Amino acid sequence: MNLKFSSTINISRYFKYHVIALLIGIPAFCSAQQTDTIQHIISGNRNSAEQQNKPYVILISADGFRYDYAEKYHASHLLNLSNGGVRAKSMIPSFPSVTFPNHYTLVTGMYPSHHGLVNNSFYDEKRNDKYSMSAKDKVRDGSWYGGTPLWVLAEQQHMIAASMFWVGSEAAVQGVRPTYYYDYTEQIKPDARIQAVKNWLSLPADRRPHLITFYLSEPDHAGHSFGPDAPQTEKAVKEVDSIVFQLTEAVKSTGLDVNFVFVADHGMTAVDREHPLPTPAAIDPEKFIIASSGTMMDVHAKNKADILPLYEELKKSEKDYRVYLKTNMPAKYHYGASDDKMNHIGDILLIPDWPKVFSNRKPGIGHHGFDPSVVKDMYATFFAWGPAFKKNKKIGSFENVNVYPLITEILDLPYTEKIDGNKKVLHGILK
């Protein structure tokens, strides 16, 4: 996802109205041309008396913030904050290591094949329709999303949640949205987002969110455009570092003792731009539907009798990519037929060997989506600090499905749904 920090739109003049709207519990709105930057408020929601005494968590994601970026580019604020809390060697994304599946995994504790967002775009055979992260009508349709996102779990238990962007937060998943949320837009600058968080935490106790998600699109954009080793990517990392520091200072000014969890969805790696892989000629578009992300090609057969002949033909010319039937995917991917809970995975999958990517044109310098068990550059960052966390704690690598049970433990939100994460994995980082 790309949200440029250099946007010239300034919405600060609307915040006075927003705060008033929050305090009196009415939806905030402006003229039609400004609706993209306006907060949605579910009026009437309140924290129960029990939930008002619970801790606070702000879950921050910096898209594409690779596991080594903080040290590589001397992100001094993040390093200092994590020194006072917890720093993981790395966090291992789920396969495929792309934005939408992994952001949703972080807030559901499920692998992509289990929560349904199996790629940034994918095909649903039953609907005969495609989901795409760029299609607003699909993004806002809760029927595409499985699992129970953190904000849904919180709201179901009468704990107020807020979202300054996150995958799934615009949709009514199980009929529930965060009490406060924004539609994703490139127009809201970081300082305005920080102000929104401060406003939320300044609300009366019965309306104050205890869970807040906060998304930043960099350094993913810089990594794609210039590569992970470019000065532009270093600049983006340092900008994220500054934004997080400003956020912590703004939160500090509210007098609340808040827990912060800083994560990324995936890393970034340089790819072969000169020799992209074309779509294999054997795939007849009259017989097959293709959903491709560059680092994976899902092929759906319109007639299931065509699956095996195509698979055998593709295996004959298999070079620079691996070909799998959905029924024989390696277990490490959690991406086979037995995992596909919502039937969103293709009948045949083509996975390129790093540094190759599928593309009909010259690809960008940086890319992600590769198998994390093979390409370590896919690893993401995990830092945490605040009253719930031990100080000066270093831990090894772990899978990102374990972030969900960690946050539910901090907020004391029980869940009964079967997830892939295990709260024992990160329990030791809590006081």
Protein backbone atom coordinates (compact mmCIF):
# COMPACT_ATOMS: atom_id res chain seq x y z
CA MET A 1 0.00 0.00 0.00
CA ASN A 2 1.19 3.48 -0.78
CA LEU A 3 0.29 6.47 1.35
CA LYS A 4 2.65 9.33 0.62
CA PHE A 5 3.56 11.41 3.64
CA SER A 6 4.08 14.49 1.48
CA SER A 7 0.34 15.10 0.89
CA THR A 8 -0.57 18.78 0.84
CA ILE A 9 -4.12 18.31 2.14
CA ASN A 10 -4.49 19.75 5.63
CA ILE A 11 -7.53 18.66 7.63
CA SER A 12 -6.55 20.20 10.94
CA ARG A 13 -9.29 22.81 10.62
CA TYR A 14 -11.85 20.00 10.88
CA PHE A 15 -10.54 18.60 14.15
CA LYS A 16 -12.34 21.12 16.35
CA TYR A 17 -15.60 19.90 14.88
CA HIS A 18 -14.54 16.26 15.21
CA VAL A 19 -13.77 16.61 18.90
CA ILE A 20 -17.13 18.27 19.54
CA ALA A 21 -18.82 15.49 17.60
CA LEU A 22 -16.98 12.89 19.63
CA LEU A 23 -17.88 14.50 22.92
CA ILE A 24 -21.58 14.70 22.14
CA GLY A 25 -21.69 11.36 20.33
CA ILE A 26 -22.84 12.34 16.84
CA PRO A 27 -21.36 11.28 13.50
CA ALA A 28 -18.86 13.71 12.00
CA PHE A 29 -19.40 14.79 8.40
CA CYS A 30 -18.50 17.54 5.94
CA SER A 31 -19.29 18.39 2.35
CA ALA A 32 -19.13 15.60 -0.21
CA GLN A 33 -15.70 16.58 -1.50
CA GLN A 34 -14.23 16.14 1.99
CA THR A 35 -15.87 12.86 3.00
CA ASP A 36 -12.70 10.82 2.48
CA THR A 37 -11.01 12.61 5.38
CA ILE A 38 -13.90 12.47 7.82
CA GLN A 39 -14.12 10.21 10.80
CA HIS A 40 -16.89 7.63 11.12
CA ILE A 41 -18.43 7.33 14.57
CA ILE A 42 -20.77 4.55 15.69
CA SER A 43 -22.95 6.56 18.02
CA GLY A 44 -24.22 5.02 21.22
CA ASN A 45 -21.25 2.73 21.85
CA ARG A 46 -19.80 2.92 25.35
CA ASN A 47 -17.16 1.19 27.43
CA SER A 48 -18.73 -0.90 30.15
CA ALA A 49 -17.73 -0.03 33.71
CA GLU A 50 -15.45 -3.09 33.76
CA GLN A 51 -13.71 -2.19 30.49
CA GLN A 52 -13.02 1.37 31.62
CA ASN A 53 -10.41 -0.01 34.01
CA LYS A 54 -8.58 -2.04 31.36
CA PRO A 55 -5.16 -1.13 29.84
CA TYR A 56 -4.66 0.73 26.57
CA VAL A 57 -2.94 -0.63 23.45
CA ILE A 58 -1.91 1.22 20.30
CA LEU A 59 -0.98 -1.19 17.51
CA ILE A 60 1.23 0.59 14.97
CA SER A 61 2.15 -0.81 11.57
CA ALA A 62 4.78 0.65 9.27
CA ASP A 63 4.23 -1.12 5.97
CA GLY A 64 7.34 -2.87 4.66
CA PHE A 65 9.49 -2.02 7.71
CA ARG A 66 11.99 -4.84 7.34
CA TYR A 67 13.34 -6.58 10.44
CA ASP A 68 16.76 -4.90 10.17
CA TYR A 69 15.73 -1.38 9.11
CA ALA A 70 15.82 0.21 12.57
CA GLU A 71 19.48 -0.67 13.09
CA LYS A 72 20.47 -0.43 9.42
CA TYR A 73 19.20 3.14 9.19
CA HIS A 74 19.68 4.21 12.82
CA ALA A 75 16.03 4.78 13.71
CA SER A 76 17.06 6.27 17.04
CA HIS A 77 13.62 6.80 18.56
CA LEU A 78 12.42 3.28 17.81
CA LEU A 79 15.66 1.82 19.09
CA ASN A 80 15.41 3.82 22.32
CA LEU A 81 11.75 2.95 22.83
CA SER A 82 12.34 -0.75 22.22
CA ASN A 83 15.38 -0.70 24.51
CA GLY A 84 12.95 0.32 27.23
CA GLY A 85 10.66 -2.56 26.32
CA VAL A 86 10.83 -5.58 24.02
CA ARG A 87 12.70 -6.10 20.77
CA ALA A 88 12.37 -9.24 18.66
CA LYS A 89 15.15 -10.42 16.39
CA SER A 90 12.46 -10.47 13.71
CA MET A 91 8.83 -11.32 13.13
CA ILE A 92 8.04 -13.91 10.48
CA PRO A 93 5.18 -12.97 8.16
CA SER A 94 2.63 -15.47 6.93
CA PHE A 95 2.70 -16.68 3.35
CA PRO A 96 2.26 -14.88 1.02
CA SER A 97 4.26 -12.03 2.56
CA VAL A 98 2.10 -9.21 1.18
CA THR A 99 0.17 -6.33 2.74
CA PHE A 100 -3.50 -7.25 3.07
CA PRO A 101 -3.12 -10.89 4.17
CA ASN A 102 -0.52 -10.07 6.82
CA HIS A 103 -2.19 -7.00 8.24
CA TYR A 104 -5.32 -9.05 8.69
CA THR A 105 -3.35 -11.95 10.16
CA LEU A 106 -1.89 -9.59 12.78
CA VAL A 107 -5.37 -8.67 14.01
CA THR A 108 -7.00 -12.13 13.74
CA GLY A 109 -4.22 -14.54 14.73
CA MET A 110 -5.02 -16.64 11.65
CA TYR A 111 -3.05 -17.62 8.58
CA PRO A 112 -4.34 -16.02 5.36
CA SER A 113 -5.89 -19.27 4.15
CA HIS A 114 -7.94 -19.42 7.35
CA HIS A 115 -9.17 -15.81 7.50
CA GLY A 116 -9.81 -15.59 3.76
CA LEU A 117 -7.60 -12.71 2.58
CA VAL A 118 -5.21 -14.97 0.70
CA ASN A 119 -3.60 -12.19 -1.33
CA ASN A 120 -3.95 -8.48 -2.11
CA SER A 121 -6.28 -9.60 -4.88
CA PHE A 122 -7.86 -13.01 -5.36
CA TYR A 123 -10.77 -14.80 -7.01
CA ASP A 124 -13.79 -16.32 -5.30
CA GLU A 125 -15.27 -19.12 -7.40
CA LYS A 126 -18.59 -19.25 -5.57
CA ARG A 127 -19.21 -15.53 -6.10
CA ASN A 128 -17.54 -15.52 -9.52
CA ASP A 129 -15.96 -12.29 -8.37
CA LYS A 130 -12.57 -10.86 -7.50
CA TYR A 131 -11.51 -9.12 -4.30
CA SER A 132 -8.92 -6.38 -4.74
CA MET A 133 -7.40 -4.01 -2.22
CA SER A 134 -8.02 -1.20 -4.71
CA ALA A 135 -11.77 -1.95 -5.02
CA LYS A 136 -13.46 0.07 -2.29
CA ASP A 137 -16.75 -1.83 -2.56
CA LYS A 138 -14.95 -5.10 -1.83
CA VAL A 139 -12.72 -3.67 0.90
CA ARG A 140 -15.82 -2.39 2.73
CA ASP A 141 -17.82 -5.62 2.33
CA GLY A 142 -17.53 -7.62 5.55
CA SER A 143 -18.55 -10.89 3.88
CA TRP A 144 -15.05 -11.24 2.40
CA TYR A 145 -13.43 -11.35 5.86
CA GLY A 146 -13.18 -14.34 8.17
CA GLY A 147 -11.92 -14.43 11.73
CA THR A 148 -12.64 -11.98 14.54
CA PRO A 149 -10.45 -8.87 14.28
CA LEU A 150 -9.24 -7.35 17.53
CA TRP A 151 -11.62 -4.40 17.29
CA VAL A 152 -14.58 -6.73 16.73
CA LEU A 153 -13.57 -8.82 19.74
CA ALA A 154 -13.27 -5.65 21.82
CA GLU A 155 -16.55 -4.09 20.70
CA GLN A 156 -18.41 -7.37 21.24
CA GLN A 157 -17.25 -7.22 24.86
CA HIS A 158 -18.24 -3.56 25.29
CA MET A 159 -14.72 -2.15 24.92
CA ILE A 160 -14.40 0.84 22.59
CA ALA A 161 -11.93 0.50 19.69
CA ALA A 162 -10.64 3.01 17.14
CA SER A 163 -8.79 2.67 13.86
CA MET A 164 -6.58 5.17 12.10
CA PHE A 165 -6.52 2.78 9.15
CA TRP A 166 -6.10 -0.99 9.12
CA VAL A 167 -7.05 -3.73 6.71
CA GLY A 168 -10.64 -4.73 7.44
CA SER A 169 -11.50 -1.77 9.67
CA GLU A 170 -13.78 -0.17 7.04
CA ALA A 171 -15.90 -3.32 6.76
CA ALA A 172 -18.63 -4.56 9.08
CA VAL A 173 -16.97 -7.87 9.97
CA GLN A 174 -19.59 -9.98 11.76
CA GLY A 175 -21.67 -6.81 11.54
CA VAL A 176 -19.21 -4.84 13.70
CA ARG A 177 -16.90 -1.90 13.00
CA PRO A 178 -14.65 0.05 15.39
CA THR A 179 -16.56 2.81 17.18
CA TYR A 180 -14.22 5.36 15.57
CA TYR A 181 -12.61 4.77 12.19
CA TYR A 182 -11.50 6.43 8.97
CA ASP A 183 -11.80 5.22 5.40
CA TYR A 184 -8.33 4.68 3.98
CA THR A 185 -7.14 7.77 2.12
CA GLU A 186 -3.88 9.32 1.02
CA GLN A 187 -5.05 12.76 2.10
CA ILE A 188 -4.62 12.60 5.87
CA LYS A 189 -1.14 13.66 6.93
CA PRO A 190 0.67 11.98 9.85
CA ASP A 191 0.29 14.98 12.17
CA ALA A 192 -3.48 14.87 11.65
CA ARG A 193 -3.53 11.17 12.42
CA ILE A 194 -1.58 11.77 15.60
CA GLN A 195 -4.01 14.51 16.60
CA ALA A 196 -6.92 12.11 16.05
CA VAL A 197 -5.34 9.59 18.44
CA LYS A 198 -4.78 12.31 21.03
CA ASN A 199 -8.41 13.39 20.65
CA TRP A 200 -9.62 9.84 21.17
CA LEU A 201 -7.54 9.39 24.32
CA SER A 202 -8.83 12.72 25.65
CA LEU A 203 -12.45 11.55 25.60
CA PRO A 204 -14.41 10.71 28.77
CA ALA A 205 -13.69 7.24 30.14
CA ASP A 206 -16.90 5.71 28.81
CA ARG A 207 -16.12 6.80 25.24
CA ARG A 208 -12.34 6.47 25.21
CA PRO A 209 -10.90 3.66 23.03
CA HIS A 210 -8.69 1.10 24.75
CA LEU A 211 -7.55 -0.39 21.44
CA ILE A 212 -6.27 1.82 18.62
CA THR A 213 -4.77 0.70 15.31
CA PHE A 214 -2.46 3.13 13.51
CA TYR A 215 -1.16 2.47 9.99
CA LEU A 216 1.74 4.09 8.11
CA SER A 217 2.36 3.19 4.47
CA GLU A 218 6.08 3.87 4.48
CA PRO A 219 8.73 2.60 4.01
CA ASP A 220 6.91 0.21 1.65
CA HIS A 221 6.45 2.80 -1.10
CA ALA A 222 10.12 3.81 -0.99
CA GLY A 223 11.23 0.18 -0.90
CA HIS A 224 9.23 -0.69 -4.01
CA SER A 225 10.32 2.37 -5.95
CA PHE A 226 13.98 2.59 -4.97
CA GLY A 227 14.88 -0.71 -3.29
CA PRO A 228 15.67 -1.57 0.33
CA ASP A 229 19.20 -0.13 0.21
CA ALA A 230 18.40 3.27 -1.30
CA PRO A 231 18.80 6.65 0.44
CA GLN A 232 15.10 7.29 -0.23
CA THR A 233 14.25 4.22 1.83
CA GLU A 234 16.54 5.38 4.61
CA LYS A 235 14.71 8.71 4.58
CA ALA A 236 11.34 6.96 4.78
CA VAL A 237 12.51 4.83 7.72
CA LYS A 238 13.66 7.92 9.58
CA GLU A 239 10.38 9.66 8.83
CA VAL A 240 8.49 6.72 10.35
CA ASP A 241 10.84 6.88 13.33
CA SER A 242 9.99 10.56 13.82
CA ILE A 243 6.24 9.98 13.45
CA VAL A 244 6.24 7.23 16.06
CA PHE A 245 8.15 9.46 18.47
CA GLN A 246 5.68 12.30 17.89
CA LEU A 247 2.82 9.89 18.52
CA THR A 248 4.32 8.72 21.81
CA GLU A 249 4.84 12.31 22.93
CA ALA A 250 1.24 13.22 22.05
CA VAL A 251 -0.04 10.20 23.96
CA LYS A 252 2.17 11.08 26.91
CA SER A 253 0.53 14.50 27.09
CA THR A 254 -2.84 12.85 27.83
CA GLY A 255 -1.48 11.46 31.09
CA LEU A 256 -2.48 7.91 30.18
CA ASP A 257 -0.05 5.01 30.50
CA VAL A 258 -0.39 3.34 27.12
CA ASN A 259 1.12 0.17 25.67
CA PHE A 260 2.61 0.37 22.18
CA VAL A 261 3.14 -2.53 19.78
CA PHE A 262 5.11 -1.60 16.64
CA VAL A 263 4.99 -4.11 13.79
CA ALA A 264 5.30 -4.48 10.03
CA ASP A 265 3.47 -6.72 7.63
CA HIS A 266 6.55 -7.88 5.72
CA GLY A 267 10.04 -6.87 4.63
CA MET A 268 11.49 -5.96 1.24
CA THR A 269 14.09 -7.34 -1.16
CA ALA A 270 15.67 -6.36 -4.47
CA VAL A 271 14.46 -8.39 -7.46
CA ASP A 272 15.58 -9.15 -11.00
CA ARG A 273 14.13 -6.25 -13.00
CA GLU A 274 15.73 -7.19 -16.30
CA HIS A 275 14.23 -10.65 -16.71
CA PRO A 276 10.65 -10.71 -15.38
CA LEU A 277 8.70 -13.92 -15.85
CA PRO A 278 5.80 -13.72 -18.32
CA THR A 279 2.55 -15.54 -17.80
CA PRO A 280 3.18 -19.06 -19.17
CA ALA A 281 1.69 -19.47 -22.64
CA ALA A 282 0.09 -22.76 -21.59
CA ILE A 283 -2.45 -20.88 -19.44
CA ASP A 284 -5.41 -20.25 -21.75
CA PRO A 285 -7.40 -17.24 -20.46
CA GLU A 286 -10.53 -18.74 -22.03
CA LYS A 287 -10.22 -21.72 -19.69
CA PHE A 288 -8.56 -20.24 -16.62
CA ILE A 289 -8.88 -17.21 -14.35
CA ILE A 290 -5.59 -15.78 -13.10
CA ALA A 291 -4.92 -13.74 -9.97
CA SER A 292 -1.28 -12.64 -9.76
CA SER A 293 0.74 -10.60 -7.27
CA GLY A 294 4.13 -10.87 -8.94
CA THR A 295 5.40 -13.33 -6.35
CA MET A 296 2.54 -15.78 -6.79
CA MET A 297 0.14 -16.70 -9.55
CA ASP A 298 -3.17 -18.33 -8.62
CA VAL A 299 -4.82 -20.18 -11.50
CA HIS A 300 -8.51 -21.13 -11.24
CA ALA A 301 -9.91 -23.60 -13.77
CA LYS A 302 -13.37 -22.85 -15.14
CA ASN A 303 -13.69 -26.57 -15.82
CA LYS A 304 -12.01 -28.74 -13.19
CA ALA A 305 -11.19 -31.35 -15.82
CA ASP A 306 -8.61 -28.91 -17.20
CA ILE A 307 -6.58 -28.73 -13.97
CA LEU A 308 -4.37 -31.80 -14.33
CA PRO A 309 -3.53 -31.33 -18.05
CA LEU A 310 -2.41 -27.74 -17.41
CA TYR A 311 -0.43 -28.76 -14.33
CA GLU A 312 1.43 -31.44 -16.29
CA GLU A 313 2.15 -29.00 -19.11
CA LEU A 314 3.46 -26.35 -16.71
CA LYS A 315 5.69 -28.89 -14.97
CA LYS A 316 7.41 -29.63 -18.29
CA SER A 317 8.57 -26.02 -18.66
CA GLU A 318 9.07 -25.29 -14.95
CA LYS A 319 12.02 -22.90 -14.76
CA ASP A 320 12.62 -20.05 -12.29
CA TYR A 321 9.32 -20.88 -10.62
CA ARG A 322 7.67 -23.79 -8.82
CA VAL A 323 4.32 -25.26 -9.86
CA TYR A 324 1.97 -26.80 -7.29
CA LEU A 325 -1.47 -28.24 -7.28
CA LYS A 326 -3.56 -26.78 -4.50
CA THR A 327 -3.87 -30.35 -3.24
CA ASN A 328 -0.10 -30.86 -2.89
CA MET A 329 1.14 -27.54 -1.52
CA PRO A 330 3.97 -27.95 1.02
CA ALA A 331 2.58 -27.82 4.56
CA LYS A 332 4.92 -24.96 5.55
CA TYR A 333 2.84 -22.53 3.48
CA HIS A 334 -0.45 -23.23 5.31
CA TYR A 335 -1.89 -22.59 1.87
CA GLY A 336 -3.19 -25.88 0.52
CA ALA A 337 -6.63 -27.35 -0.12
CA SER A 338 -7.13 -28.44 3.49
CA ASP A 339 -6.28 -24.92 4.72
CA ASP A 340 -8.48 -23.02 2.26
CA LYS A 341 -11.41 -22.28 4.56
CA MET A 342 -13.13 -19.80 2.22
CA ASN A 343 -12.14 -21.42 -1.10
CA HIS A 344 -10.10 -18.44 -2.30
CA ILE A 345 -6.90 -20.26 -3.36
CA GLY A 346 -6.32 -21.26 -6.98
CA ASP A 347 -6.35 -24.82 -8.28
CA ILE A 348 -2.76 -24.39 -9.48
CA LEU A 349 -0.16 -22.10 -7.92
CA LEU A 350 3.02 -20.78 -9.50
CA ILE A 351 5.63 -19.42 -7.09
CA PRO A 352 8.72 -17.72 -8.56
CA ASP A 353 12.21 -18.40 -7.25
CA TRP A 354 13.77 -15.29 -5.72
CA PRO A 355 14.79 -12.87 -7.21
CA LYS A 356 12.39 -13.54 -10.09
CA VAL A 357 8.88 -12.07 -10.27
CA PHE A 358 5.96 -12.49 -12.64
CA SER A 359 5.35 -9.29 -14.58
CA ASN A 360 4.33 -8.19 -18.06
CA ARG A 361 6.44 -5.05 -17.69
CA LYS A 362 9.63 -4.02 -15.95
CA PRO A 363 8.97 -4.46 -12.22
CA GLY A 364 9.92 -2.09 -9.43
CA ILE A 365 13.32 -2.37 -7.76
CA GLY A 366 11.98 -3.77 -4.51
CA HIS A 367 9.39 -6.46 -3.92
CA HIS A 368 7.94 -8.79 -1.30
CA GLY A 369 5.60 -11.77 -1.19
CA PHE A 370 8.31 -14.45 -1.30
CA ASP A 371 8.46 -17.48 0.98
CA PRO A 372 9.80 -16.16 4.33
CA SER A 373 11.41 -19.51 5.09
CA VAL A 374 13.65 -19.03 2.03
CA VAL A 375 14.01 -15.25 1.71
CA LYS A 376 14.90 -13.72 5.08
CA ASP A 377 14.42 -10.22 3.67
CA MET A 378 10.68 -10.90 4.05
CA TYR A 379 11.04 -10.79 7.85
CA ALA A 380 9.31 -7.90 9.60
CA THR A 381 9.89 -5.81 12.74
CA PHE A 382 8.36 -6.28 16.19
CA PHE A 383 8.97 -3.83 19.04
CA ALA A 384 6.80 -3.25 22.12
CA TRP A 385 6.95 -0.95 25.12
CA GLY A 386 4.69 0.31 27.88
CA PRO A 387 3.47 -0.68 31.34
CA ALA A 388 2.52 -4.25 30.38
CA PHE A 389 5.94 -5.14 28.96
CA LYS A 390 9.21 -6.15 30.53
CA LYS A 391 12.09 -3.76 30.01
CA ASN A 392 15.29 -4.42 28.07
CA LYS A 393 13.89 -7.72 26.82
CA LYS A 394 15.32 -9.31 23.67
CA ILE A 395 13.57 -12.27 22.08
CA GLY A 396 14.09 -14.46 19.04
CA SER A 397 12.03 -14.66 15.87
CA PHE A 398 8.38 -15.70 15.98
CA GLU A 399 5.40 -15.96 13.63
CA ASN A 400 3.07 -12.99 13.32
CA VAL A 401 -0.03 -15.07 14.15
CA ASN A 402 1.06 -14.70 17.79
CA VAL A 403 0.49 -10.94 18.00
CA TYR A 404 -3.28 -11.37 18.32
CA PRO A 405 -3.24 -13.51 21.48
CA LEU A 406 -0.63 -11.17 22.99
CA ILE A 407 -2.91 -8.15 22.64
CA THR A 408 -5.98 -10.04 23.84
CA GLU A 409 -4.02 -10.98 26.96
CA ILE A 410 -3.01 -7.37 27.66
CA LEU A 411 -6.60 -6.16 27.21
CA ASP A 412 -8.04 -9.18 29.04
CA LEU A 413 -10.33 -10.04 26.14
CA PRO A 414 -11.19 -13.76 26.12
CA TYR A 415 -11.81 -15.47 22.78
CA THR A 416 -13.27 -18.86 21.92
CA GLU A 417 -12.60 -18.97 18.18
CA LYS A 418 -9.88 -21.34 17.01
CA ILE A 419 -6.84 -19.34 15.90
CA ASP A 420 -3.36 -20.24 14.68
CA GLY A 421 -1.50 -18.12 17.23
CA ASN A 422 -0.62 -19.27 20.74
CA LYS A 423 -0.52 -16.88 23.68
CA LYS A 424 2.29 -18.93 25.26
CA VAL A 425 4.71 -17.76 22.55
CA LEU A 426 4.83 -14.12 23.73
CA HIS A 427 3.51 -14.45 27.27
CA GLY A 428 7.07 -14.20 28.61
CA ILE A 429 7.49 -10.60 27.42
CA LEU A 430 4.74 -9.41 29.76
CA LYS A 431 5.38 -8.36 33.33
